[in-house]
């Protein structure tokens, strides 16, 4: 079954995909605006890395609670509430006017990303109850392709909007997309039976951790999926624009174009390699990912050559993310799925945060190119870990 046939045969997947296009597309407007705002405030490398990390930290902190919320409450009212919260926090970004208010920005980002994290986990918990097997893998790929498409065009257009019309305009457009997403989601009818437990919340949290503890292979899969967090390049891209490329191109355009080109690769890659990839060939993808990042580090001295390498860094990432996520979805009992998916997001986001802070701390000590090369080499170790520890048991 190809992507088109999947969307035709599974109406709920199609409707959720349309929702994703709208919600994700709008979200990237405020991201470019936020990073541009930080540059305009002349923020330090560490401050930029902290704001970037705050996009990931909520998923780490609230994961135990979010999993129980997903497994306990009705999914549609829950997801509508989460989208509405994201809308309100986005509008509050408009109140940030100076460097001294970055602490307030961090609070708004925390609340917005907490809602986004629970929304994402709820959706990824829903998918295995609709599809399974190779269809589930392709559904994950569709989700990731939409994310990449929205990221590519959202970032590119946002860079232009921010550059010519300003930060506030981009944030307002972001809010309008969230309003449209709420309208679309309100009209989606869930024809899927979802069993919600009445177990006490603390007991559910403990049960989720005990399940992972007693299923060591699931824990290995969570760690494997978290390796994708090593590609959390937002801080790196922002610092390159701020310190290196501002002499070549405007900062918002540099951030927008770089992220857009990488996201384009995230979108194109699965169409080319999805039918070739399987669990035995996944090792090759990890190695390719590592080489691509190393090459990007080596060519960062030139903005235009770096763009080519940035494209390569995104070419296999979507497929790696999709197949490793499917490994988890298929090997967890449905009773624990919401909690395990949330804990997975917690570990994944922790990987993103550590990568982001790693970049922010070392940026004042060693060149950004060296930092990039170190991240690329890390994927060679991931390839070894997958082949020796995980693959024999799949």
Protein backbone atom coordinates (compact mmCIF):
# COMPACT_ATOMS: atom_id res chain seq x y z
CA UNK A 1 0.00 0.00 0.00
CA UNK A 2 1.44 3.37 -1.02
CA UNK A 3 0.81 6.69 0.74
CA UNK A 4 -2.10 7.67 -1.53
CA UNK A 5 -3.88 4.33 -1.07
CA UNK A 6 -3.39 4.55 2.70
CA UNK A 7 -5.00 7.98 2.89
CA UNK A 8 -7.91 6.85 0.69
CA UNK A 9 -8.57 3.64 2.63
CA UNK A 10 -8.19 5.10 6.12
CA UNK A 11 -10.38 8.24 6.42
CA UNK A 12 -9.39 8.97 10.02
CA UNK A 13 -5.69 8.92 9.12
CA UNK A 14 -6.49 11.28 6.23
CA UNK A 15 -8.39 13.72 8.47
CA UNK A 16 -5.68 13.69 11.12
CA UNK A 17 -3.11 14.32 8.40
CA UNK A 18 -4.99 17.40 7.21
CA UNK A 19 -5.08 18.63 10.80
CA UNK A 20 -1.32 18.10 11.10
CA UNK A 21 -0.62 20.15 7.97
CA UNK A 22 -2.53 23.13 9.37
CA UNK A 23 -1.26 22.96 12.97
CA UNK A 24 2.38 22.28 12.11
CA UNK A 25 2.54 24.82 9.30
CA UNK A 26 1.39 27.59 11.58
CA UNK A 27 3.69 26.60 14.44
CA UNK A 28 6.91 27.33 12.57
CA UNK A 29 6.03 30.98 12.06
CA UNK A 30 6.50 31.68 15.74
CA UNK A 31 9.69 29.60 15.94
CA UNK A 32 11.56 31.74 13.41
CA UNK A 33 10.08 34.82 15.08
CA UNK A 34 11.32 33.69 18.50
CA UNK A 35 14.88 32.97 17.31
CA UNK A 36 15.00 36.25 15.38
CA UNK A 37 13.74 38.06 18.48
CA UNK A 38 16.58 36.55 20.52
CA UNK A 39 19.14 37.68 17.97
CA UNK A 40 17.63 41.19 17.97
CA UNK A 41 17.93 41.22 21.77
CA UNK A 42 21.64 40.32 21.30
CA UNK A 43 21.18 37.25 23.49
CA UNK A 44 24.14 35.05 24.40
CA UNK A 45 24.72 31.59 22.93
CA UNK A 46 23.69 30.05 26.25
CA UNK A 47 20.46 32.10 26.42
CA UNK A 48 19.54 30.98 22.90
CA UNK A 49 20.26 27.36 23.81
CA UNK A 50 18.09 27.63 26.96
CA UNK A 51 15.13 29.02 24.97
CA UNK A 52 15.63 26.27 22.40
CA UNK A 53 15.85 23.65 25.15
CA UNK A 54 12.58 24.93 26.63
CA UNK A 55 10.85 23.61 23.49
CA UNK A 56 11.86 20.11 24.65
CA UNK A 57 11.96 20.28 28.47
CA UNK A 58 8.14 20.15 29.03
CA UNK A 59 7.90 16.70 27.45
CA UNK A 60 10.52 15.46 29.91
CA UNK A 61 8.87 16.91 33.00
CA UNK A 62 5.24 16.06 32.28
CA UNK A 63 5.72 12.67 30.57
CA UNK A 64 4.62 10.50 33.54
CA UNK A 65 1.48 12.61 34.00
CA UNK A 66 0.68 13.02 30.29
CA UNK A 67 0.66 9.27 29.73
CA UNK A 68 -1.89 8.74 32.47
CA UNK A 69 -3.99 11.66 31.17
CA UNK A 70 -4.09 10.07 27.70
CA UNK A 71 -5.00 6.63 29.05
CA UNK A 72 -7.64 8.04 31.43
CA UNK A 73 -9.59 10.82 29.68
CA UNK A 74 -11.70 11.03 26.50
CA UNK A 75 -9.34 11.79 23.68
CA UNK A 76 -11.28 14.33 21.59
CA UNK A 77 -12.14 16.86 24.36
CA UNK A 78 -8.59 16.45 25.65
CA UNK A 79 -7.00 17.23 22.28
CA UNK A 80 -9.31 20.21 21.68
CA UNK A 81 -8.32 21.66 25.04
CA UNK A 82 -4.65 21.21 24.21
CA UNK A 83 -4.97 22.97 20.84
CA UNK A 84 -6.79 25.87 22.53
CA UNK A 85 -4.01 26.20 25.10
CA UNK A 86 -1.40 26.35 22.33
CA UNK A 87 -3.40 29.15 20.69
CA UNK A 88 -3.52 31.24 23.88
CA UNK A 89 0.20 30.83 24.59
CA UNK A 90 1.05 31.79 20.99
CA UNK A 91 -0.91 35.03 21.35
CA UNK A 92 0.95 35.77 24.57
CA UNK A 93 4.25 35.76 22.63
CA UNK A 94 3.10 39.17 21.37
CA UNK A 95 3.70 40.62 24.84
CA UNK A 96 7.48 39.99 24.79
CA UNK A 97 9.30 43.24 24.01
CA UNK A 98 12.74 43.11 25.63
CA UNK A 99 15.63 40.96 26.80
CA UNK A 100 14.44 41.32 30.39
CA UNK A 101 11.21 39.46 29.54
CA UNK A 102 12.88 36.29 28.25
CA UNK A 103 11.92 34.58 31.53
CA UNK A 104 8.27 35.24 30.65
CA UNK A 105 8.84 33.88 27.15
CA UNK A 106 10.21 30.70 28.72
CA UNK A 107 6.99 30.27 30.74
CA UNK A 108 4.79 30.71 27.66
CA UNK A 109 6.92 28.25 25.68
CA UNK A 110 6.78 25.75 28.55
CA UNK A 111 2.97 25.80 28.70
CA UNK A 112 2.58 25.72 24.92
CA UNK A 113 5.04 22.86 24.46
CA UNK A 114 3.51 20.91 27.37
CA UNK A 115 0.18 21.02 25.52
CA UNK A 116 1.85 20.17 22.21
CA UNK A 117 3.65 17.22 23.80
CA UNK A 118 0.48 15.70 25.23
CA UNK A 119 -1.34 16.30 21.93
CA UNK A 120 1.40 14.53 19.98
CA UNK A 121 1.51 11.58 22.40
CA UNK A 122 -2.29 11.25 22.25
CA UNK A 123 -2.18 11.14 18.46
CA UNK A 124 0.66 8.59 18.37
CA UNK A 125 -1.26 6.46 20.88
CA UNK A 126 -4.30 6.61 18.62
CA UNK A 127 -2.55 5.49 15.42
CA UNK A 128 -1.71 1.88 16.47
CA UNK A 129 -5.42 1.43 17.22
CA UNK A 130 -6.23 2.32 13.62
CA UNK A 131 -3.45 0.59 11.66
CA UNK A 132 -0.63 -1.90 12.26
CA UNK A 133 2.43 -3.51 10.65
CA UNK A 134 3.86 -1.91 7.54
CA UNK A 135 0.80 0.34 7.30
CA UNK A 136 1.65 1.76 10.74
CA UNK A 137 5.23 2.42 9.60
CA UNK A 138 3.95 4.25 6.53
CA UNK A 139 1.43 6.18 8.65
CA UNK A 140 4.31 7.32 10.86
CA UNK A 141 6.18 8.32 7.71
CA UNK A 142 3.19 10.34 6.47
CA UNK A 143 3.10 12.07 9.84
CA UNK A 144 6.80 12.86 9.64
CA UNK A 145 6.61 13.93 5.97
CA UNK A 146 3.80 16.35 6.86
CA UNK A 147 5.90 17.66 9.74
CA UNK A 148 8.82 18.14 7.34
CA UNK A 149 6.66 19.74 4.65
CA UNK A 150 5.14 22.14 7.15
CA UNK A 151 8.56 22.80 8.66
CA UNK A 152 10.15 23.47 5.25
CA UNK A 153 7.52 25.84 3.89
CA UNK A 154 6.61 27.26 7.30
CA UNK A 155 10.24 28.13 8.06
CA UNK A 156 10.93 29.47 4.55
CA UNK A 157 7.83 31.67 4.38
CA UNK A 158 8.24 32.72 8.00
CA UNK A 159 11.81 33.84 7.31
CA UNK A 160 10.48 36.11 4.57
CA UNK A 161 7.55 37.34 6.70
CA UNK A 162 9.76 38.09 9.70
CA UNK A 163 12.37 39.81 7.51
CA UNK A 164 9.91 42.08 5.69
CA UNK A 165 6.91 42.40 8.05
CA UNK A 166 8.34 41.74 11.48
CA UNK A 167 8.15 39.29 14.38
CA UNK A 168 4.64 40.30 15.54
CA UNK A 169 3.07 39.61 12.14
CA UNK A 170 4.53 36.09 12.10
CA UNK A 171 3.14 35.36 15.56
CA UNK A 172 -0.34 36.58 14.56
CA UNK A 173 -0.29 34.33 11.47
CA UNK A 174 0.74 31.43 13.72
CA UNK A 175 -2.31 32.08 15.92
CA UNK A 176 -4.63 32.13 12.89
CA UNK A 177 -3.40 28.69 11.87
CA UNK A 178 -4.16 27.35 15.34
CA UNK A 179 -7.70 28.73 15.10
CA UNK A 180 -8.17 26.93 11.79
CA UNK A 181 -6.75 23.72 13.29
CA UNK A 182 -9.28 23.88 16.14
CA UNK A 183 -12.15 24.28 13.65
CA UNK A 184 -10.95 21.31 11.58
CA UNK A 185 -10.36 19.08 14.59
CA UNK A 186 -13.77 19.88 16.06
CA UNK A 187 -15.37 18.29 12.98
CA UNK A 188 -13.37 15.04 13.08
CA UNK A 189 -15.45 12.08 14.23
CA UNK A 190 -13.49 9.41 16.10
CA UNK A 191 -14.90 6.04 15.11
CA UNK A 192 -12.33 4.16 17.11
CA UNK A 193 -13.01 2.34 20.36
CA UNK A 194 -10.73 3.72 23.03
CA UNK A 195 -10.78 2.07 26.44
CA UNK A 196 -10.06 4.45 29.31
CA UNK A 197 -8.97 2.95 32.60
CA UNK A 198 -10.32 4.10 35.97
CA UNK A 199 -7.10 3.12 37.74
CA UNK A 200 -5.69 5.74 40.11
CA UNK A 201 -3.21 8.16 38.52
CA UNK A 202 -0.28 7.39 40.85
CA UNK A 203 -0.85 3.68 40.35
CA UNK A 204 -0.88 4.18 36.57
CA UNK A 205 2.36 6.17 36.63
CA UNK A 206 4.04 3.46 38.67
CA UNK A 207 2.59 0.76 36.43
CA UNK A 208 4.04 2.38 33.33
CA UNK A 209 7.56 2.49 34.78
CA UNK A 210 7.27 -1.07 36.08
CA UNK A 211 6.19 -2.25 32.62
CA UNK A 212 9.29 -0.71 31.03
CA UNK A 213 11.51 -2.08 33.81
CA UNK A 214 10.17 -5.59 33.22
CA UNK A 215 10.54 -5.26 29.43
CA UNK A 216 14.20 -4.37 28.93
CA UNK A 217 13.96 -4.64 25.14
CA UNK A 218 11.35 -1.86 25.12
CA UNK A 219 13.81 0.31 27.03
CA UNK A 220 16.48 -0.37 24.39
CA UNK A 221 14.00 0.70 21.70
CA UNK A 222 13.30 3.93 23.58
CA UNK A 223 17.03 4.68 23.73
CA UNK A 224 17.43 3.88 20.02
CA UNK A 225 14.61 6.24 19.05
CA UNK A 226 16.10 8.95 21.27
CA UNK A 227 19.24 8.93 19.10
CA UNK A 228 17.30 11.05 16.58
CA UNK A 229 17.54 13.80 19.21
CA UNK A 230 21.18 14.22 18.20
CA UNK A 231 19.82 16.07 15.14
CA UNK A 232 18.38 18.90 17.28
CA UNK A 233 20.15 21.60 15.26
CA UNK A 234 18.01 24.70 16.02
CA UNK A 235 20.62 26.27 18.29
CA UNK A 236 23.41 25.40 15.86
CA UNK A 237 21.55 26.96 12.93
CA UNK A 238 20.73 30.10 14.93
CA UNK A 239 24.33 30.54 16.10
CA UNK A 240 25.69 30.04 12.59
CA UNK A 241 23.29 32.72 11.34
CA UNK A 242 24.21 35.05 14.21
CA UNK A 243 27.99 34.59 14.16
CA UNK A 244 28.94 33.48 10.63
CA UNK A 245 26.32 34.02 7.95
CA UNK A 246 25.01 37.48 8.93
CA UNK A 247 27.67 38.93 6.63
CA UNK A 248 26.27 36.91 3.72
CA UNK A 249 22.50 37.03 4.27
CA UNK A 250 19.97 38.48 6.74
CA UNK A 251 19.65 36.47 9.96
CA UNK A 252 15.92 35.56 9.57
CA UNK A 253 16.52 34.44 5.97
CA UNK A 254 19.55 32.39 6.98
CA UNK A 255 17.60 30.61 9.71
CA UNK A 256 14.55 30.12 7.48
CA UNK A 257 16.41 28.88 4.40
CA UNK A 258 18.72 26.53 6.30
CA UNK A 259 15.90 24.92 8.27
CA UNK A 260 13.67 24.82 5.20
CA UNK A 261 16.25 23.01 3.08
CA UNK A 262 16.90 20.45 5.79
CA UNK A 263 13.17 19.95 6.23
CA UNK A 264 12.78 19.51 2.48
CA UNK A 265 15.22 16.61 2.74
CA UNK A 266 13.22 15.22 5.66
CA UNK A 267 10.19 15.24 3.37
CA UNK A 268 11.83 13.92 0.19
CA UNK A 269 13.93 11.18 1.78
CA UNK A 270 11.11 8.75 2.67
CA UNK A 271 9.67 8.84 -0.86
CA UNK A 272 13.01 7.63 -2.22
CA UNK A 273 14.17 5.10 0.38
CA UNK A 274 11.04 3.86 2.20
CA UNK A 275 10.59 0.72 0.08
CA UNK A 276 14.30 -0.11 0.33
CA UNK A 277 14.62 0.22 4.08
CA UNK A 278 13.96 -2.64 6.45
CA UNK A 279 15.21 -3.60 9.89
CA UNK A 280 18.35 -5.21 8.43
CA UNK A 281 19.31 -2.14 6.39
CA UNK A 282 18.62 0.39 9.13
CA UNK A 283 22.27 0.18 10.22
CA UNK A 284 23.27 1.72 6.86
CA UNK A 285 20.93 4.68 7.51
CA UNK A 286 22.55 5.40 10.88
CA UNK A 287 25.99 5.39 9.23
CA UNK A 288 24.79 7.65 6.40
CA UNK A 289 23.26 10.04 8.95
CA UNK A 290 26.61 10.28 10.73
CA UNK A 291 28.62 10.92 7.56
CA UNK A 292 26.15 13.61 6.41
CA UNK A 293 26.48 15.53 9.70
CA UNK A 294 30.28 15.26 9.62
CA UNK A 295 30.31 16.67 6.07
CA UNK A 296 28.08 19.55 7.18
CA UNK A 297 30.57 20.38 9.91
CA UNK A 298 33.44 20.33 7.44
CA UNK A 299 31.72 22.73 4.99
CA UNK A 300 30.12 25.20 7.42
CA UNK A 301 32.69 27.82 6.49
CA UNK A 302 30.69 28.51 3.30
CA UNK A 303 26.96 29.27 3.60
CA UNK A 304 26.02 27.88 0.18
CA UNK A 305 28.14 24.71 0.39
CA UNK A 306 26.75 24.18 3.90
CA UNK A 307 23.21 24.25 2.49
CA UNK A 308 24.00 21.22 0.33
CA UNK A 309 25.31 19.34 3.34
CA UNK A 310 22.33 20.41 5.45
CA UNK A 311 20.10 18.74 2.86
CA UNK A 312 22.05 15.49 3.30
CA UNK A 313 21.69 15.63 7.08
CA UNK A 314 17.91 15.44 6.75
CA UNK A 315 17.68 12.84 4.01
CA UNK A 316 17.50 9.74 6.25
CA UNK A 317 16.27 11.28 9.53
CA UNK A 318 12.55 10.89 8.84
CA UNK A 319 12.86 7.22 7.98
CA UNK A 320 14.99 6.54 11.06
CA UNK A 321 12.43 8.35 13.23
CA UNK A 322 9.47 6.51 11.66
CA UNK A 323 10.81 2.97 11.79
CA UNK A 324 12.18 3.24 15.33
CA UNK A 325 8.85 4.72 16.50
CA UNK A 326 6.98 1.82 14.85
CA UNK A 327 9.24 -0.66 16.68
CA UNK A 328 7.95 0.80 19.97
CA UNK A 329 4.29 1.06 18.95
CA UNK A 330 4.14 -2.58 17.86
CA UNK A 331 5.86 -4.07 20.90
CA UNK A 332 3.92 -2.40 23.71
CA UNK A 333 0.63 -3.70 25.11
CA UNK A 334 -2.25 -1.33 24.32
CA UNK A 335 -3.04 -1.03 28.04
CA UNK A 336 0.32 0.70 28.57
CA UNK A 337 0.68 2.36 25.18
CA UNK A 338 -0.23 5.92 26.22
CA UNK A 339 2.22 5.86 29.12
CA UNK A 340 5.08 4.22 27.21
CA UNK A 341 4.63 6.62 24.28
CA UNK A 342 4.80 9.53 26.74
CA UNK A 343 7.90 8.11 28.41
CA UNK A 344 9.39 7.62 24.96
CA UNK A 345 8.76 11.28 24.20
CA UNK A 346 10.36 12.14 27.54
CA UNK A 347 13.57 10.28 26.69
CA UNK A 348 13.53 11.62 23.14
CA UNK A 349 13.14 15.21 24.34
CA UNK A 350 15.84 14.68 26.96
CA UNK A 351 18.14 13.74 24.11
CA UNK A 352 17.13 16.95 22.32
CA UNK A 353 17.75 19.05 25.44
CA UNK A 354 21.16 17.51 26.12
CA UNK A 355 22.15 18.03 22.48
CA UNK A 356 20.95 21.64 22.58
CA UNK A 357 22.76 22.45 25.84
CA UNK A 358 25.85 20.61 24.59
CA UNK A 359 25.92 22.97 21.62
CA UNK A 360 25.19 26.06 23.74
CA UNK A 361 27.90 25.34 26.35
CA UNK A 362 30.63 24.35 23.88
CA UNK A 363 29.86 27.15 21.40
CA UNK A 364 32.00 29.58 23.43
CA UNK A 365 34.84 27.07 23.73
CA UNK A 366 35.31 25.31 20.38
CA UNK A 367 34.25 26.09 16.78
CA UNK A 368 30.70 25.18 15.75
CA UNK A 369 32.14 22.94 13.02
CA UNK A 370 33.87 20.76 15.64
CA UNK A 371 30.65 20.45 17.62
CA UNK A 372 28.80 19.35 14.47
CA UNK A 373 31.42 16.71 13.65
CA UNK A 374 31.18 15.28 17.17
CA UNK A 375 27.39 14.87 16.75
CA UNK A 376 27.98 13.09 13.44
CA UNK A 377 30.48 10.66 14.95
CA UNK A 378 27.94 9.81 17.66
CA UNK A 379 25.74 8.19 14.99
CA UNK A 380 28.48 5.67 14.20
CA UNK A 381 28.16 4.45 17.79
CA UNK A 382 24.36 4.35 17.39
CA UNK A 383 24.77 2.13 14.30
CA UNK A 384 26.96 -0.27 16.33
CA UNK A 385 24.45 -0.27 19.21
CA UNK A 386 21.57 -1.07 16.88
CA UNK A 387 23.38 -3.89 15.06
CA UNK A 388 24.78 -5.61 18.17
CA UNK A 389 22.15 -4.96 20.84
CA UNK A 390 18.77 -4.49 19.12
CA UNK A 391 18.71 -6.08 15.67
CA UNK A 392 19.24 -9.70 16.89
CA UNK A 393 15.97 -9.50 18.86
CA UNK A 394 13.73 -7.81 16.28
